[in-house]
Amino acid sequence: MIRKIGLIMLVVFIPLYAEEDALTKAMRDELARSMKQLQLENLEKPYFIAYRVIENNGRRTSATFGTLTGGSEFRVRYLNVEVRVGDYKLDNTNFFSLSLGAAGVARMYGGTVQLPLEDDYKELRRQIWLATDGAYKKALEDLSKKRATLQNKTRTEEIPDLTREETSTLAEETPPLTIPASRMEGWVRELSALFKEMPDIFDSRVQLTSSNTQTRYLNSEGGSYTRVRPAVAFIARAATQAPDGMPLEDFVAAYGRSMDDLPSKEQLSARIRELGVHLKALRGANTIEQYNGPVLFEGPAAAELFNQAFAPNLVGTRRPIADNPSYERYAAQADNPFIDKLGARVLPEFLSVSDNATAMEHLKAQLAGWYKVDDDGIAARETKLVEKGTLRSLLTSRNPVRGITRSTGNRRGAGPMPSNLFITADNGLGAQELRERLIGQIKQRGKEYAIIIRSLGNPALRLSRGISMAAMMAGQGGETRVEPAILAYKAYADGKEELVRNVEISGLSAASFKEILAASKEQTVYTAPFRGRSLPLQSYPTFEGPGEGSLVSFVVPSLLFEDMTLKKPSGEIPLPPVAKHPFFDK
């Protein structure tokens, strides 16, 4: 049965509350009481309250060199309270202040607190009450400060703080994922033991994580949803050093909703052995001093480049108002240069981009960004972002941005982010045609060789948390920070290829993507952790996947850039180990 109340659409599953659990009942009862009674003296009452309870349980198992290093079950439950005071046009949100008060954690971290794991209705009500009280008091304080700040500023644009949307009531029934600990331990032991065959690898880790994430959501407009997301992630990381000390890393990552969705253990073994071959070859490869010229990003490298350097610009975020000039640099982290480029060309005319959370698979590959409703309860749908090179829209939540007044159904976590991004090319080239186009650029520009990049690093999948000097400097002067290439090759006109190592991308910006010369007709499906723009202390746990960071799936062609600057790392380099790896020192 479907009911419509004003702008609110309710998809009611009957019986809706017949067997409501203690937590959902506590949320619903406290929400009703708060909307009725929550008012401090003669100050304003909330006009909107939302509760999100995110419960994550599962097991994480890790091993190195055939030996277990960790194997533990986990279960956590968090509540995020969203209280808005004022009205849809102007409320306490989209405002940045670090002032603290007596309400503690709920005031500091946007109303996010940890809840008891037991379904004790009275204790859950007490915890929700305290968190709501703290969030309400901070909302009053922020609204007062925001109004005072605006009195000293001239507003050049009037953007509402919350959009009015059709929200859904949805209950998903998904069987939880259960994997025996013995099976997980067997996998990581066996797969990590493969590195005993690789004397050129100095460090390695293998991790397998399974989880079930249940989200319960209620808001004062009548919207609600309950969903369970089973997920499993396999990640193998390996690192070594070249003879000159430069670090070298590679990884194997696979994600799914069950173990059956992952590659088989034999397939993962083959990929890990291939990783070992690559790292061994990289140790003996040469570096390049500096290169300026055409670069072809193939398959996964094209997807990772798009993930790190272009996709964050497709997220509709706006700079919040700050009550202190010293906080302006933090608020500036939310700036998105593409907000001013709606209707402008951001890609070549033969490329288009869309986001589609309703797609579950493509080319027989599972897509990680699938969902029915986003974290605001807005129905998922396809959004055309770039049409024939021209930017048409950005991904938004119920916090609108200039030029986009409605949510696209893309809130994931603290704000909007992609789900499944599709990059399509009109008149795409075959693999051989794309290679010939690259060779044509070598001859046309009188160069000895061009560069092909087949794999890029991902910041969430590094084994070492250190970053290169180039990465530290990236982001200044409009430059986009991108992880170094893992596999890069010099490509000569005669078809010969030569592996090169420690290749870093320099001077890349959003404008660089307008210089793409050609793209392939073949597409690659690639899933990876995504990091967009966010402000410190403005988020809450999402647990959207057992990997590190929320997962986004990319469907991309290979991309040929007309001109790009590549160079080797600069700065101090640690010396390699003095003695040999003890296991291989026979």
Protein backbone atom coordinates (compact mmCIF):
# COMPACT_ATOMS: atom_id res chain seq x y z
CA MET A 1 0.00 0.00 0.00
CA ILE A 2 1.31 3.46 -0.93
CA ARG A 3 0.18 6.61 0.82
CA LYS A 4 1.06 10.19 -0.09
CA ILE A 5 0.96 12.89 2.55
CA GLY A 6 1.94 16.26 1.07
CA LEU A 7 5.43 15.82 -0.24
CA ILE A 8 5.92 12.66 1.79
CA MET A 9 5.36 9.31 0.08
CA LEU A 10 4.95 6.34 2.39
CA VAL A 11 5.41 2.80 1.07
CA VAL A 12 3.83 0.87 3.91
CA PHE A 13 4.59 -2.78 4.54
CA ILE A 14 1.74 -4.25 6.63
CA PRO A 15 2.02 -5.01 9.49
CA LEU A 16 4.43 -2.09 9.92
CA TYR A 17 4.79 -2.03 13.72
CA ALA A 18 3.32 -5.40 14.69
CA GLU A 19 6.60 -6.93 15.84
CA GLU A 20 8.69 -3.78 16.25
CA ASP A 21 11.92 -4.46 18.12
CA ALA A 22 12.85 -2.59 21.29
CA LEU A 23 15.35 -0.31 19.56
CA THR A 24 12.98 0.81 16.80
CA LYS A 25 10.20 1.34 19.35
CA ALA A 26 12.57 3.41 21.53
CA MET A 27 13.53 5.51 18.52
CA ARG A 28 9.93 6.06 17.48
CA ASP A 29 8.66 6.88 20.96
CA GLU A 30 11.50 9.29 21.74
CA LEU A 31 11.15 10.99 18.37
CA ALA A 32 7.44 11.64 18.99
CA ARG A 33 8.11 12.91 22.52
CA SER A 34 10.98 15.16 21.38
CA MET A 35 8.95 16.80 18.63
CA LYS A 36 6.19 17.51 21.15
CA GLN A 37 8.14 18.50 24.27
CA LEU A 38 11.64 19.57 23.23
CA GLN A 39 11.79 23.32 23.86
CA LEU A 40 14.16 25.31 26.05
CA GLU A 41 12.47 28.26 27.79
CA ASN A 42 11.10 30.57 25.09
CA LEU A 43 13.52 29.39 22.42
CA GLU A 44 12.58 27.66 19.21
CA LYS A 45 11.45 24.06 18.97
CA PRO A 46 13.00 21.68 16.42
CA TYR A 47 11.26 21.64 13.07
CA PHE A 48 13.04 18.45 11.99
CA ILE A 49 14.59 15.51 13.86
CA ALA A 50 16.09 12.35 12.38
CA TYR A 51 17.56 9.29 14.09
CA ARG A 52 19.96 6.86 12.40
CA VAL A 53 21.10 3.80 14.29
CA ILE A 54 23.88 1.90 12.54
CA GLU A 55 24.75 -1.52 13.91
CA ASN A 56 27.69 -3.43 12.54
CA ASN A 57 28.72 -6.95 13.46
CA GLY A 58 31.11 -9.37 11.87
CA ARG A 59 34.60 -10.78 11.97
CA ARG A 60 37.97 -9.51 10.83
CA THR A 61 40.79 -12.00 10.26
CA SER A 62 44.33 -11.17 9.19
CA ALA A 63 47.60 -12.99 8.60
CA THR A 64 51.12 -12.37 7.45
CA PHE A 65 53.56 -14.91 6.05
CA GLY A 66 51.20 -17.79 6.81
CA THR A 67 50.68 -16.79 10.47
CA LEU A 68 47.53 -15.31 11.98
CA THR A 69 47.97 -11.79 13.30
CA GLY A 70 44.37 -11.12 14.19
CA GLY A 71 41.03 -12.83 14.37
CA SER A 72 38.29 -11.09 16.27
CA GLU A 73 34.56 -10.64 16.20
CA PHE A 74 33.15 -7.14 16.49
CA ARG A 75 29.79 -5.61 17.16
CA VAL A 76 29.12 -1.91 17.54
CA ARG A 77 25.99 0.23 17.54
CA TYR A 78 25.96 3.98 16.92
CA LEU A 79 23.21 6.55 17.04
CA ASN A 80 23.34 9.73 14.97
CA VAL A 81 20.89 12.43 15.99
CA GLU A 82 20.10 15.17 13.49
CA VAL A 83 18.24 18.09 15.08
CA ARG A 84 17.34 21.16 13.02
CA VAL A 85 16.09 24.36 14.57
CA GLY A 86 14.76 27.26 12.52
CA ASP A 87 13.08 26.38 9.24
CA TYR A 88 13.82 24.83 5.85
CA LYS A 89 15.18 28.15 4.59
CA LEU A 90 17.61 28.87 7.46
CA ASP A 91 18.55 26.53 10.27
CA ASN A 92 21.55 25.57 12.40
CA THR A 93 23.24 23.40 9.75
CA ASN A 94 25.74 24.38 7.05
CA PHE A 95 27.60 26.14 9.84
CA PHE A 96 31.05 25.33 11.22
CA SER A 97 32.01 25.99 14.83
CA LEU A 98 34.31 24.13 17.22
CA SER A 99 32.85 25.49 20.44
CA LEU A 100 32.31 22.81 23.09
CA GLY A 101 29.85 22.63 25.92
CA ALA A 102 28.59 20.52 28.77
CA ALA A 103 26.72 18.10 26.52
CA GLY A 104 29.98 16.34 25.68
CA VAL A 105 30.45 14.04 22.72
CA ALA A 106 27.01 14.66 21.26
CA ARG A 107 27.90 18.34 20.96
CA MET A 108 31.36 17.75 19.53
CA TYR A 109 30.62 15.17 16.89
CA GLY A 110 27.29 16.21 15.44
CA GLY A 111 25.11 14.09 17.73
CA THR A 112 26.86 10.74 17.22
CA VAL A 113 27.04 8.49 20.30
CA GLN A 114 27.54 4.80 20.95
CA LEU A 115 24.47 2.87 22.06
CA PRO A 116 24.20 -0.25 24.26
CA LEU A 117 24.18 -3.53 22.37
CA GLU A 118 21.41 -5.06 24.44
CA ASP A 119 17.83 -4.28 23.44
CA ASP A 120 16.84 -2.77 26.77
CA TYR A 121 14.00 -0.42 25.85
CA LYS A 122 14.33 1.83 28.91
CA GLU A 123 18.10 2.23 28.64
CA LEU A 124 17.89 2.86 24.90
CA ARG A 125 15.26 5.55 25.52
CA ARG A 126 17.55 7.16 28.10
CA GLN A 127 20.53 7.21 25.74
CA ILE A 128 18.48 8.57 22.83
CA TRP A 129 16.98 11.21 25.12
CA LEU A 130 20.41 12.42 26.28
CA ALA A 131 21.83 12.46 22.76
CA THR A 132 18.79 14.36 21.46
CA ASP A 133 19.02 16.84 24.32
CA GLY A 134 22.70 17.51 23.55
CA ALA A 135 22.07 17.83 19.82
CA TYR A 136 19.14 20.21 20.44
CA LYS A 137 21.16 22.49 22.72
CA LYS A 138 24.00 22.62 20.22
CA ALA A 139 21.52 23.30 17.42
CA LEU A 140 20.19 26.32 19.37
CA GLU A 141 23.71 27.55 20.02
CA ASP A 142 24.76 27.10 16.39
CA LEU A 143 21.66 28.81 15.05
CA SER A 144 22.24 31.78 17.35
CA LYS A 145 25.89 32.02 16.28
CA LYS A 146 24.98 31.56 12.64
CA ARG A 147 22.45 34.38 12.75
CA ALA A 148 24.95 36.61 14.52
CA THR A 149 27.62 35.78 11.95
CA LEU A 150 25.26 36.54 9.08
CA GLN A 151 24.47 39.96 10.53
CA ASN A 152 28.08 40.90 9.82
CA LYS A 153 28.11 39.43 6.34
CA THR A 154 26.43 40.26 3.06
CA ARG A 155 24.81 37.14 1.60
CA THR A 156 25.23 37.01 -2.16
CA GLU A 157 22.95 33.99 -2.51
CA GLU A 158 19.96 32.55 -0.68
CA ILE A 159 20.20 28.75 -0.60
CA PRO A 160 17.84 26.86 1.72
CA ASP A 161 19.42 24.65 4.36
CA LEU A 162 17.08 21.69 3.80
CA THR A 163 15.09 20.68 0.75
CA ARG A 164 11.53 19.40 0.87
CA GLU A 165 11.49 15.89 -0.59
CA GLU A 166 9.36 12.81 -1.04
CA THR A 167 10.72 10.32 1.47
CA SER A 168 9.91 6.63 1.70
CA THR A 169 9.05 4.13 4.38
CA LEU A 170 10.87 0.95 3.49
CA ALA A 171 11.69 -2.32 5.23
CA GLU A 172 14.24 -4.60 3.56
CA GLU A 173 14.57 -8.23 4.53
CA THR A 174 18.08 -9.46 3.75
CA PRO A 175 19.49 -12.68 5.23
CA PRO A 176 22.58 -11.92 7.37
CA LEU A 177 25.98 -13.15 6.29
CA THR A 178 27.55 -15.89 8.39
CA ILE A 179 31.04 -17.25 7.63
CA PRO A 180 32.72 -19.76 9.97
CA ALA A 181 35.85 -18.41 11.63
CA SER A 182 37.75 -21.53 10.60
CA ARG A 183 37.05 -20.85 6.93
CA MET A 184 38.22 -17.26 7.15
CA GLU A 185 41.36 -18.24 9.05
CA GLY A 186 42.13 -20.95 6.51
CA TRP A 187 41.88 -18.46 3.66
CA VAL A 188 44.18 -15.82 5.14
CA ARG A 189 46.73 -18.37 6.37
CA GLU A 190 46.96 -20.09 3.02
CA LEU A 191 46.98 -16.94 0.90
CA SER A 192 49.44 -15.06 3.10
CA ALA A 193 51.76 -18.07 3.02
CA LEU A 194 52.24 -17.48 -0.72
CA PHE A 195 54.66 -14.68 0.18
CA LYS A 196 57.06 -17.35 1.47
CA GLU A 197 57.76 -17.94 -2.23
CA MET A 198 58.69 -14.26 -2.80
CA PRO A 199 62.09 -13.24 -1.39
CA ASP A 200 61.77 -9.80 -3.00
CA ILE A 201 58.79 -8.85 -0.81
CA PHE A 202 59.80 -7.21 2.49
CA ASP A 203 56.34 -6.87 4.08
CA SER A 204 52.90 -8.32 3.38
CA ARG A 205 49.45 -8.47 4.99
CA VAL A 206 46.31 -10.39 4.06
CA GLN A 207 42.94 -9.51 5.55
CA LEU A 208 39.46 -10.96 5.18
CA THR A 209 36.50 -9.15 6.74
CA SER A 210 32.84 -10.08 6.83
CA SER A 211 30.12 -7.85 8.24
CA ASN A 212 26.41 -7.22 8.48
CA THR A 213 25.40 -3.58 8.72
CA GLN A 214 21.88 -2.84 9.83
CA THR A 215 20.59 0.73 9.57
CA ARG A 216 17.40 1.96 11.18
CA TYR A 217 16.21 5.45 10.22
CA LEU A 218 13.29 7.61 11.37
CA ASN A 219 12.55 11.27 10.79
CA SER A 220 9.86 13.67 11.97
CA GLU A 221 8.41 14.00 8.45
CA GLY A 222 7.25 10.38 8.56
CA GLY A 223 10.08 8.82 6.55
CA SER A 224 11.71 5.62 7.77
CA TYR A 225 13.66 2.65 6.53
CA THR A 226 15.36 -0.47 7.82
CA ARG A 227 17.99 -2.27 5.80
CA VAL A 228 20.67 -4.91 6.26
CA ARG A 229 23.80 -4.90 4.14
CA PRO A 230 25.98 -8.04 4.23
CA ALA A 231 29.49 -7.45 2.91
CA VAL A 232 32.79 -9.23 2.57
CA ALA A 233 36.17 -7.82 1.60
CA PHE A 234 39.49 -9.47 0.78
CA ILE A 235 42.59 -7.27 0.75
CA ALA A 236 46.19 -8.39 0.26
CA ARG A 237 48.95 -5.78 0.46
CA ALA A 238 52.65 -6.14 -0.23
CA ALA A 239 55.60 -3.77 -0.06
CA THR A 240 59.29 -3.77 -0.85
CA GLN A 241 62.05 -1.33 -1.76
CA ALA A 242 64.15 -0.81 -4.85
CA PRO A 243 67.95 -1.01 -4.41
CA ASP A 244 68.05 2.80 -4.13
CA GLY A 245 65.55 2.66 -1.26
CA MET A 246 62.45 3.92 -3.11
CA PRO A 247 59.30 2.23 -1.75
CA LEU A 248 57.23 -0.06 -3.96
CA GLU A 249 53.74 -1.34 -3.11
CA ASP A 250 50.90 -3.27 -4.71
CA PHE A 251 47.59 -4.75 -3.59
CA VAL A 252 44.86 -7.21 -4.48
CA ALA A 253 41.34 -6.26 -3.41
CA ALA A 254 37.97 -7.92 -3.94
CA TYR A 255 34.53 -7.09 -2.56
CA GLY A 256 31.14 -8.76 -2.51
CA ARG A 257 28.00 -9.51 -0.53
CA SER A 258 29.06 -13.08 0.24
CA MET A 259 32.09 -15.33 -0.12
CA ASP A 260 30.59 -16.66 -3.35
CA ASP A 261 30.89 -13.18 -4.85
CA LEU A 262 34.66 -13.12 -4.34
CA PRO A 263 37.11 -14.71 -6.76
CA SER A 264 37.91 -18.29 -5.78
CA LYS A 265 40.86 -19.01 -3.53
CA GLU A 266 42.72 -20.33 -6.58
CA GLN A 267 42.01 -17.14 -8.52
CA LEU A 268 43.18 -14.97 -5.62
CA SER A 269 46.33 -17.11 -5.35
CA ALA A 270 47.07 -16.43 -9.01
CA ARG A 271 46.57 -12.70 -8.52
CA ILE A 272 48.86 -12.64 -5.48
CA ARG A 273 51.56 -14.51 -7.38
CA GLU A 274 51.18 -12.01 -10.22
CA LEU A 275 51.59 -9.22 -7.67
CA GLY A 276 54.85 -10.82 -6.55
CA VAL A 277 56.10 -11.01 -10.14
CA HIS A 278 55.30 -7.33 -10.67
CA LEU A 279 57.06 -6.17 -7.51
CA LYS A 280 60.14 -8.25 -8.32
CA ALA A 281 60.27 -6.74 -11.80
CA LEU A 282 59.78 -3.24 -10.38
CA ARG A 283 62.81 -3.65 -8.11
CA GLY A 284 64.95 -4.01 -11.20
CA ALA A 285 63.21 -1.34 -13.27
CA ASN A 286 64.53 2.13 -14.04
CA THR A 287 62.98 5.46 -13.04
CA ILE A 288 62.18 8.44 -15.24
CA GLU A 289 63.56 11.86 -14.37
CA GLN A 290 60.62 13.79 -15.84
CA TYR A 291 58.21 13.17 -18.67
CA ASN A 292 55.83 15.49 -20.50
CA GLY A 293 53.67 13.92 -23.16
CA PRO A 294 50.79 11.56 -23.96
CA VAL A 295 49.74 9.05 -21.28
CA LEU A 296 47.36 6.13 -21.70
CA PHE A 297 45.53 4.94 -18.57
CA GLU A 298 44.26 1.43 -19.14
CA GLY A 299 41.39 -0.33 -17.34
CA PRO A 300 41.79 -0.19 -13.53
CA ALA A 301 44.27 2.72 -13.75
CA ALA A 302 41.70 4.83 -15.63
CA ALA A 303 39.08 3.99 -12.99
CA GLU A 304 41.39 4.82 -10.08
CA LEU A 305 42.43 8.09 -11.72
CA PHE A 306 38.78 9.00 -12.16
CA ASN A 307 38.10 7.94 -8.56
CA GLN A 308 40.75 10.20 -7.05
CA ALA A 309 40.98 13.15 -9.42
CA PHE A 310 37.59 13.70 -11.06
CA ALA A 311 34.77 12.00 -9.14
CA PRO A 312 35.18 14.14 -5.96
CA ASN A 313 34.29 17.17 -8.10
CA LEU A 314 30.94 15.59 -8.95
CA VAL A 315 29.82 15.76 -5.32
CA GLY A 316 27.68 18.80 -4.53
CA THR A 317 29.13 20.30 -1.37
CA ARG A 318 29.10 23.91 -0.31
CA ARG A 319 31.34 25.87 2.01
CA PRO A 320 29.63 26.26 5.40
CA ILE A 321 29.49 29.56 7.21
CA ALA A 322 32.24 29.79 9.85
CA ASP A 323 32.03 31.90 12.99
CA ASN A 324 35.77 32.42 13.27
CA PRO A 325 38.23 33.49 10.55
CA SER A 326 40.70 30.85 11.77
CA TYR A 327 38.14 28.15 10.85
CA GLU A 328 37.83 29.36 7.28
CA ARG A 329 40.59 27.03 6.07
CA TYR A 330 38.66 24.07 7.48
CA ALA A 331 35.42 25.25 5.90
CA ALA A 332 37.25 25.68 2.59
CA GLN A 333 37.77 21.89 2.45
CA ALA A 334 34.14 21.62 1.35
CA ASP A 335 34.66 23.92 -1.65
CA ASN A 336 33.84 22.30 -4.97
CA PRO A 337 35.05 24.14 -8.10
CA PHE A 338 32.42 22.40 -10.23
CA ILE A 339 29.54 24.26 -8.56
CA ASP A 340 30.40 27.22 -10.78
CA LYS A 341 30.77 25.03 -13.88
CA LEU A 342 27.19 23.84 -14.38
CA GLY A 343 26.59 24.15 -18.12
CA ALA A 344 30.31 24.34 -18.85
CA ARG A 345 32.47 21.74 -20.59
CA VAL A 346 34.45 19.62 -18.14
CA LEU A 347 35.21 16.61 -20.36
CA PRO A 348 35.66 16.05 -24.11
CA GLU A 349 32.40 16.03 -26.06
CA PHE A 350 32.61 12.27 -26.61
CA LEU A 351 32.45 11.45 -22.86
CA SER A 352 29.38 11.30 -20.61
CA VAL A 353 29.02 10.42 -16.92
CA SER A 354 26.04 9.20 -14.90
CA ASP A 355 25.49 7.90 -11.38
CA ASN A 356 23.05 5.04 -10.88
CA ALA A 357 22.45 3.50 -7.46
CA THR A 358 19.67 1.27 -8.86
CA ALA A 359 22.16 -0.82 -10.89
CA MET A 360 23.17 -4.04 -9.13
CA GLU A 361 25.59 -5.39 -11.76
CA HIS A 362 27.20 -4.56 -15.09
CA LEU A 363 29.05 -6.81 -17.52
CA LYS A 364 28.25 -9.68 -15.11
CA ALA A 365 30.20 -7.91 -12.37
CA GLN A 366 28.59 -6.91 -9.07
CA LEU A 367 28.33 -3.19 -8.30
CA ALA A 368 29.01 -2.12 -4.72
CA GLY A 369 27.05 1.15 -4.74
CA TRP A 370 23.58 -0.37 -5.10
CA TYR A 371 20.78 0.74 -2.76
CA LYS A 372 17.03 1.43 -2.81
CA VAL A 373 17.07 4.56 -0.66
CA ASP A 374 19.94 6.77 0.44
CA ASP A 375 20.76 7.67 4.04
CA ASP A 376 18.07 10.40 4.00
CA GLY A 377 15.45 7.89 2.86
CA ILE A 378 15.33 9.39 -0.65
CA ALA A 379 14.65 6.87 -3.42
CA ALA A 380 17.66 5.92 -5.54
CA ARG A 381 17.64 6.92 -9.19
CA GLU A 382 19.94 7.60 -12.11
CA THR A 383 21.46 11.08 -12.33
CA LYS A 384 23.06 12.30 -15.54
CA LEU A 385 26.06 14.34 -14.44
CA VAL A 386 27.98 15.03 -17.64
CA GLU A 387 26.35 14.86 -21.08
CA LYS A 388 28.67 14.97 -24.08
CA GLY A 389 31.33 16.74 -22.03
CA THR A 390 29.01 19.34 -20.45
CA LEU A 391 28.37 19.34 -16.71
CA ARG A 392 24.61 19.07 -16.10
CA SER A 393 24.30 18.26 -12.40
CA LEU A 394 26.12 17.29 -9.21
CA LEU A 395 25.33 14.62 -6.65
CA THR A 396 23.46 16.10 -3.71
CA SER A 397 21.70 15.27 -0.46
CA ARG A 398 18.92 17.27 1.18
CA ASN A 399 21.48 20.02 1.86
CA PRO A 400 21.21 21.83 -1.50
CA VAL A 401 23.92 23.71 -3.37
CA ARG A 402 23.76 26.64 -5.72
CA GLY A 403 21.95 25.70 -8.93
CA ILE A 404 20.67 22.31 -7.65
CA THR A 405 17.62 22.61 -5.44
CA ARG A 406 16.64 18.94 -4.98
CA SER A 407 18.37 15.85 -3.64
CA THR A 408 19.64 13.35 -6.18
CA GLY A 409 19.33 10.58 -3.58
CA ASN A 410 23.06 10.32 -2.92
CA ARG A 411 23.55 10.85 0.78
CA ARG A 412 25.95 8.19 2.04
CA GLY A 413 27.30 8.96 5.47
CA ALA A 414 27.78 12.60 6.43
CA GLY A 415 27.00 13.92 2.97
CA PRO A 416 26.58 13.11 -0.73
CA MET A 417 28.88 10.73 -2.56
CA PRO A 418 28.72 8.58 -5.71
CA SER A 419 27.15 5.13 -5.79
CA ASN A 420 27.93 3.53 -9.17
CA LEU A 421 29.57 5.85 -11.70
CA PHE A 422 29.27 5.05 -15.42
CA ILE A 423 31.64 6.78 -17.85
CA THR A 424 30.68 6.15 -21.47
CA ALA A 425 32.42 7.13 -24.71
CA ASP A 426 30.73 7.88 -28.01
CA ASN A 427 32.57 6.20 -30.89
CA GLY A 428 35.03 4.53 -28.53
CA LEU A 429 38.11 2.92 -30.03
CA GLY A 430 39.13 -0.72 -29.95
CA ALA A 431 42.22 -1.63 -27.93
CA GLN A 432 44.45 -1.78 -31.00
CA GLU A 433 43.05 1.48 -32.39
CA LEU A 434 43.70 3.22 -29.07
CA ARG A 435 47.27 1.92 -29.06
CA GLU A 436 47.76 3.20 -32.62
CA ARG A 437 46.45 6.59 -31.54
CA LEU A 438 49.05 6.64 -28.76
CA ILE A 439 51.83 5.70 -31.18
CA GLY A 440 50.60 8.42 -33.52
CA GLN A 441 51.12 10.95 -30.73
CA ILE A 442 54.72 9.75 -30.28
CA LYS A 443 55.48 10.32 -33.95
CA GLN A 444 53.58 13.59 -34.17
CA ARG A 445 55.44 15.09 -31.24
CA GLY A 446 58.80 13.62 -32.08
CA LYS A 447 59.08 11.70 -28.84
CA GLU A 448 61.05 8.56 -28.20
CA TYR A 449 58.24 6.92 -26.25
CA ALA A 450 54.88 7.46 -24.53
CA ILE A 451 53.71 6.18 -21.14
CA ILE A 452 51.08 3.54 -20.42
CA ILE A 453 49.80 3.25 -16.84
CA ARG A 454 47.99 0.03 -15.95
CA SER A 455 47.65 0.33 -12.18
CA LEU A 456 47.47 3.18 -9.65
CA GLY A 457 47.64 3.09 -5.88
CA ASN A 458 44.65 3.86 -3.67
CA PRO A 459 45.18 5.92 -0.48
CA ALA A 460 42.99 3.57 1.59
CA LEU A 461 44.90 0.47 0.48
CA ARG A 462 48.46 1.48 1.27
CA LEU A 463 50.43 -0.91 3.44
CA SER A 464 52.57 1.97 4.67
CA ARG A 465 50.72 5.03 5.89
CA GLY A 466 53.55 7.30 4.81
CA ILE A 467 53.04 9.50 1.76
CA SER A 468 55.46 10.78 -0.80
CA MET A 469 56.77 14.33 -0.90
CA ALA A 470 54.87 14.89 -4.15
CA ALA A 471 51.65 13.75 -2.51
CA MET A 472 52.25 16.08 0.44
CA MET A 473 52.65 19.03 -1.90
CA ALA A 474 49.69 18.06 -4.06
CA GLY A 475 46.53 20.06 -3.60
CA GLN A 476 48.38 23.37 -3.60
CA GLY A 477 47.63 25.80 -6.39
CA GLY A 478 44.67 23.75 -7.61
CA GLU A 479 46.72 20.59 -8.11
CA THR A 480 44.89 17.31 -7.46
CA ARG A 481 46.56 14.73 -5.26
CA VAL A 482 46.80 11.31 -6.92
CA GLU A 483 48.56 8.19 -5.69
CA PRO A 484 51.70 7.12 -7.60
CA ALA A 485 51.47 4.58 -10.42
CA ILE A 486 52.07 0.96 -9.46
CA LEU A 487 52.55 -0.35 -13.01
CA ALA A 488 53.78 2.09 -15.67
CA TYR A 489 55.51 1.36 -18.97
CA LYS A 490 57.44 3.21 -21.62
CA ALA A 491 55.70 2.40 -24.91
CA TYR A 492 57.88 2.71 -28.03
CA ALA A 493 56.70 3.15 -31.61
CA ASP A 494 57.93 -0.34 -32.56
CA GLY A 495 55.62 -1.95 -29.98
CA LYS A 496 58.28 -2.55 -27.34
CA GLU A 497 57.39 -1.82 -23.71
CA GLU A 498 59.73 -1.11 -20.79
CA LEU A 499 58.60 -1.21 -17.15
CA VAL A 500 59.42 1.90 -15.10
CA ARG A 501 58.95 2.44 -11.38
CA ASN A 502 58.08 5.17 -8.88
CA VAL A 503 56.12 7.25 -11.36
CA GLU A 504 54.25 10.18 -9.82
CA ILE A 505 51.69 12.37 -11.55
CA SER A 506 52.37 16.09 -11.29
CA GLY A 507 50.29 19.15 -12.09
CA LEU A 508 47.02 17.27 -12.52
CA SER A 509 43.80 19.27 -12.08
CA ALA A 510 40.14 18.93 -13.01
CA ALA A 511 40.87 20.89 -16.19
CA SER A 512 43.32 18.18 -17.26
CA PHE A 513 40.40 15.87 -18.05
CA LYS A 514 39.32 18.15 -20.89
CA GLU A 515 42.56 17.12 -22.62
CA ILE A 516 41.53 13.48 -23.02
CA LEU A 517 42.13 12.62 -26.67
CA ALA A 518 40.34 9.30 -26.94
CA ALA A 519 38.69 6.50 -24.97
CA SER A 520 38.16 2.81 -25.54
CA LYS A 521 34.88 1.14 -26.41
CA GLU A 522 35.64 -1.60 -23.87
CA GLN A 523 34.75 -0.82 -20.26
CA THR A 524 36.25 -2.00 -16.97
CA VAL A 525 34.21 -2.54 -13.79
CA TYR A 526 36.29 -1.48 -10.81
CA THR A 527 35.34 -1.10 -7.14
CA ALA A 528 37.42 0.92 -4.68
CA PRO A 529 37.20 2.97 -1.49
CA PHE A 530 36.20 6.56 -2.21
CA ARG A 531 37.26 9.67 -0.35
CA GLY A 532 35.41 12.88 -1.08
CA ARG A 533 35.42 16.27 0.54
CA SER A 534 34.48 16.35 4.21
CA LEU A 535 34.98 18.53 7.24
CA PRO A 536 36.60 17.34 10.49
CA LEU A 537 34.17 16.48 13.30
CA GLN A 538 31.26 16.51 10.82
CA SER A 539 30.73 12.82 10.14
CA TYR A 540 29.28 9.66 11.62
CA PRO A 541 30.11 5.99 11.11
CA THR A 542 28.61 4.42 7.98
CA PHE A 543 30.15 0.92 7.88
CA GLU A 544 29.09 0.70 4.23
CA GLY A 545 31.66 -1.97 3.63
CA PRO A 546 34.33 -3.86 5.50
CA GLY A 547 37.04 -2.17 3.45
CA GLU A 548 38.57 1.15 4.47
CA GLY A 549 36.21 3.83 3.28
CA SER A 550 32.86 3.74 1.51
CA LEU A 551 32.93 1.71 -1.69
CA VAL A 552 32.05 3.07 -5.12
CA SER A 553 31.93 1.04 -8.33
CA PHE A 554 33.23 2.60 -11.54
CA VAL A 555 32.44 1.50 -15.09
CA VAL A 556 35.07 3.21 -17.23
CA PRO A 557 36.87 2.99 -20.58
CA SER A 558 40.63 3.33 -20.97
CA LEU A 559 41.60 7.01 -21.31
CA LEU A 560 44.28 8.60 -23.50
CA PHE A 561 45.51 12.00 -22.28
CA GLU A 562 47.19 14.33 -24.76
CA ASP A 563 49.67 15.73 -22.28
CA MET A 564 50.63 14.95 -18.71
CA THR A 565 53.63 15.53 -16.46
CA LEU A 566 55.20 12.52 -14.74
CA LYS A 567 58.27 12.42 -12.52
CA LYS A 568 60.06 10.35 -9.91
CA PRO A 569 59.67 11.10 -6.16
CA SER A 570 61.71 13.83 -4.54
CA GLY A 571 62.90 14.21 -0.98
CA GLU A 572 64.62 11.85 1.43
CA ILE A 573 64.33 8.11 0.84
CA PRO A 574 64.77 5.47 3.57
CA LEU A 575 67.58 2.98 3.07
CA PRO A 576 66.62 -0.64 2.38
CA PRO A 577 67.25 -3.26 5.12
CA VAL A 578 70.93 -3.99 5.68
CA ALA A 579 70.53 -7.76 6.12
CA LYS A 580 68.46 -10.11 4.00
CA HIS A 581 64.97 -11.31 4.93
CA PRO A 582 65.75 -14.00 7.56
CA PHE A 583 63.41 -16.58 6.02
CA PHE A 584 65.32 -16.47 2.74
CA ASP A 585 68.82 -16.13 4.20
CA LYS A 586 69.82 -19.78 3.81
